[in-house]
Amino acid sequence: MSRIGKLPITIPAGVTVDIAADNTVTVKGPKGTLSQQVNKDITVKQEGNQLVLTRPTDDKPHKSMHGLYRSLLNNMVVGVTEGYAKHLELVGTGYRAQAQGKTLTINIGFSHPVVLEAPENITFETPAPTKIVVKGISKQQVGNLAADIRAIRKPEPYLGKGIKYETEVIRRKEGKTGKK
């Protein structure tokens, strides 16, 4: 039995789960609505205030899908109740970011500022000029957008300049040394 897949998902108060005939699970909560198409081999049942996923056999593909879909559905429940956030930091002289509504403007040493539009269900915050917070209900969307922002200027190993995650540790390299 899958260690992750066999765990039931507890549905908190204020969250409704609809399971369609084509195995599409829709989760509605205080922060929004998310839906996920589940493979036809995996059975999703709602028992009281819990979601339970079962698989037909112990074959390797069924085992892997069992844990995967359980994690995806759990992330949806957490997303519509609490939401997700990724914190980014700008390191470098003159590097700054500014959020205005649904747009994020980043000055990162290019000849022009980089302007990003937030997709649906995603918001930007800049608590400080060198900090960016990407918030949303979909863990995948938040992570992908944070990775896209980081890819604008990855941190370099000599001075550490660039955009990095708040908890990321940059492995530093030693610079050039003089002749001896």
Protein backbone atom coordinates (compact mmCIF):
# COMPACT_ATOMS: atom_id res chain seq x y z
CA MET A 1 0.00 0.00 0.00
CA SER A 2 1.25 3.48 -0.83
CA ARG A 3 2.29 5.38 2.27
CA ILE A 4 1.04 8.67 0.90
CA GLY A 5 -1.89 7.37 -1.15
CA LYS A 6 -3.54 5.49 1.71
CA LEU A 7 -3.77 8.58 3.94
CA PRO A 8 -7.24 10.16 3.88
CA ILE A 9 -7.58 13.85 3.06
CA THR A 10 -9.49 15.76 5.75
CA ILE A 11 -11.90 18.31 4.31
CA PRO A 12 -12.14 21.37 6.61
CA ALA A 13 -15.37 23.24 7.28
CA GLY A 14 -16.31 25.68 4.52
CA VAL A 15 -14.82 23.52 1.76
CA THR A 16 -17.00 21.55 -0.67
CA VAL A 17 -15.76 18.74 -2.90
CA ASP A 18 -17.60 17.61 -6.03
CA ILE A 19 -16.63 14.41 -7.82
CA ALA A 20 -17.96 14.27 -11.40
CA ALA A 21 -18.69 11.10 -13.39
CA ASP A 22 -15.54 11.56 -15.52
CA ASN A 23 -13.40 11.55 -12.31
CA THR A 24 -12.94 15.33 -12.23
CA VAL A 25 -12.62 16.56 -8.65
CA THR A 26 -13.62 20.19 -7.97
CA VAL A 27 -12.72 21.80 -4.64
CA LYS A 28 -14.42 25.06 -3.60
CA GLY A 29 -13.26 27.02 -0.60
CA PRO A 30 -13.09 30.52 0.84
CA LYS A 31 -10.15 31.53 -1.40
CA GLY A 32 -11.43 30.11 -4.72
CA THR A 33 -12.09 27.03 -6.81
CA LEU A 34 -9.68 24.42 -8.19
CA SER A 35 -10.34 21.31 -10.26
CA GLN A 36 -8.25 18.27 -11.23
CA GLN A 37 -8.88 15.41 -13.64
CA VAL A 38 -8.02 12.14 -11.86
CA ASN A 39 -6.98 9.04 -13.82
CA LYS A 40 -9.87 6.64 -14.46
CA ASP A 41 -8.08 3.80 -12.62
CA ILE A 42 -7.95 5.70 -9.32
CA THR A 43 -11.23 5.75 -7.37
CA VAL A 44 -12.05 8.89 -5.36
CA LYS A 45 -14.73 8.64 -2.66
CA GLN A 46 -15.98 11.14 -0.13
CA GLU A 47 -16.68 9.53 3.23
CA GLY A 48 -18.04 12.12 5.67
CA ASN A 49 -15.49 14.91 5.86
CA GLN A 50 -12.68 12.87 4.29
CA LEU A 51 -11.57 12.05 0.75
CA VAL A 52 -10.26 8.51 0.24
CA LEU A 53 -8.37 7.35 -2.86
CA THR A 54 -8.06 3.68 -3.80
CA ARG A 55 -6.25 1.86 -6.61
CA PRO A 56 -7.30 -1.35 -8.37
CA THR A 57 -3.98 -3.29 -8.26
CA ASP A 58 -0.49 -3.11 -6.83
CA ASP A 59 1.11 -2.59 -10.25
CA LYS A 60 3.82 0.06 -10.40
CA PRO A 61 1.82 2.56 -12.53
CA HIS A 62 -1.16 2.31 -10.18
CA LYS A 63 1.05 2.74 -7.12
CA SER A 64 2.69 5.87 -8.52
CA MET A 65 -0.63 7.43 -9.59
CA HIS A 66 -2.17 6.66 -6.19
CA GLY A 67 0.31 8.83 -4.30
CA LEU A 68 0.43 11.48 -7.01
CA TYR A 69 -3.30 12.16 -7.13
CA ARG A 70 -3.61 12.06 -3.35
CA SER A 71 -0.92 14.77 -3.12
CA LEU A 72 -2.53 16.86 -5.87
CA LEU A 73 -5.96 16.72 -4.22
CA ASN A 74 -4.47 17.52 -0.80
CA ASN A 75 -2.65 20.53 -2.29
CA MET A 76 -5.96 21.72 -3.74
CA VAL A 77 -7.69 21.51 -0.34
CA VAL A 78 -4.83 23.38 1.34
CA GLY A 79 -4.76 25.96 -1.48
CA VAL A 80 -8.44 26.94 -1.26
CA THR A 81 -8.25 27.24 2.55
CA GLU A 82 -4.79 28.69 3.32
CA GLY A 83 -3.17 29.44 -0.05
CA TYR A 84 0.48 29.24 -1.02
CA ALA A 85 3.27 31.82 -1.08
CA LYS A 86 6.84 31.92 -2.40
CA HIS A 87 9.25 34.55 -1.11
CA LEU A 88 11.98 35.88 -3.41
CA GLU A 89 14.86 38.24 -2.66
CA LEU A 90 16.74 40.61 -4.97
CA VAL A 91 20.46 40.80 -4.18
CA GLY A 92 22.52 43.51 -5.86
CA THR A 93 23.09 47.24 -5.84
CA GLY A 94 20.15 49.08 -7.39
CA TYR A 95 18.01 45.95 -7.76
CA ARG A 96 14.42 46.60 -6.76
CA ALA A 97 10.87 45.48 -7.43
CA GLN A 98 7.51 47.23 -7.23
CA ALA A 99 4.04 45.69 -7.32
CA GLN A 100 1.16 47.80 -8.65
CA GLY A 101 -2.12 45.92 -8.78
CA LYS A 102 -1.68 42.90 -11.07
CA THR A 103 1.72 43.99 -12.46
CA LEU A 104 5.21 43.54 -11.08
CA THR A 105 8.02 45.82 -12.26
CA ILE A 106 11.55 44.59 -11.63
CA ASN A 107 14.69 46.72 -12.12
CA ILE A 108 17.47 44.16 -12.18
CA GLY A 109 20.38 45.79 -14.03
CA PHE A 110 19.02 45.55 -17.58
CA SER A 111 18.64 48.61 -19.81
CA HIS A 112 14.87 48.34 -19.32
CA PRO A 113 12.62 47.32 -16.42
CA VAL A 114 11.05 43.84 -16.60
CA VAL A 115 7.25 44.00 -16.32
CA LEU A 116 5.23 40.88 -15.46
CA GLU A 117 1.45 40.48 -15.45
CA ALA A 118 -0.08 38.24 -12.78
CA PRO A 119 -2.26 35.40 -14.09
CA GLU A 120 -5.68 34.63 -12.61
CA ASN A 121 -5.67 33.73 -8.87
CA ILE A 122 -2.08 35.03 -8.40
CA THR A 123 -1.07 38.22 -6.58
CA PHE A 124 2.26 39.98 -6.12
CA GLU A 125 3.39 41.78 -2.98
CA THR A 126 6.55 43.76 -2.32
CA PRO A 127 6.93 44.23 1.46
CA ALA A 128 10.35 45.82 0.80
CA PRO A 129 11.96 47.06 -2.45
CA THR A 130 14.21 43.98 -2.52
CA LYS A 131 11.58 41.38 -1.60
CA ILE A 132 8.84 39.80 -3.75
CA VAL A 133 6.03 37.58 -2.47
CA VAL A 134 4.05 35.51 -5.01
CA LYS A 135 0.72 34.34 -3.53
CA GLY A 136 -2.03 32.14 -4.92
CA ILE A 137 -4.26 29.12 -4.39
CA SER A 138 -2.56 26.76 -6.85
CA LYS A 139 0.76 25.39 -5.59
CA GLN A 140 1.87 24.60 -9.14
CA GLN A 141 1.08 28.08 -10.50
CA VAL A 142 2.80 29.84 -7.58
CA GLY A 143 5.92 27.67 -7.91
CA ASN A 144 6.13 28.06 -11.69
CA LEU A 145 5.72 31.84 -11.57
CA ALA A 146 8.33 32.15 -8.80
CA ALA A 147 10.73 30.03 -10.88
CA ASP A 148 10.07 32.24 -13.93
CA ILE A 149 10.84 35.37 -11.88
CA ARG A 150 14.04 33.76 -10.56
CA ALA A 151 15.05 32.83 -14.13
CA ILE A 152 15.10 36.52 -15.14
CA ARG A 153 18.46 36.81 -13.38
CA LYS A 154 19.67 33.73 -11.53
CA PRO A 155 22.07 34.32 -8.63
CA GLU A 156 25.67 34.11 -9.76
CA PRO A 157 28.26 32.24 -7.65
CA TYR A 158 30.92 34.96 -7.28
CA LEU A 159 29.06 37.91 -5.77
CA GLY A 160 25.66 36.28 -5.22
CA LYS A 161 23.86 38.95 -7.27
CA GLY A 162 20.50 38.09 -8.79
CA ILE A 163 17.04 36.89 -7.76
CA LYS A 164 16.97 34.06 -5.24
CA TYR A 165 14.46 32.29 -3.03
CA GLU A 166 14.45 33.63 0.53
CA THR A 167 15.67 30.33 2.02
CA GLU A 168 18.05 29.48 -0.85
CA VAL A 169 21.74 29.25 -0.05
CA ILE A 170 24.05 30.27 -2.90
CA ARG A 171 27.26 28.26 -3.15
CA ARG A 172 29.96 30.85 -3.50
CA LYS A 173 33.13 30.45 -5.55
CA GLU A 174 36.49 31.99 -4.84
CA GLY A 175 37.46 34.80 -7.17
CA LYS A 176 40.71 35.22 -9.07
CA THR A 177 43.94 35.35 -7.09
CA GLY A 178 47.03 37.38 -7.98
CA LYS A 179 50.30 35.97 -9.38
CA LYS A 180 52.78 34.66 -6.89
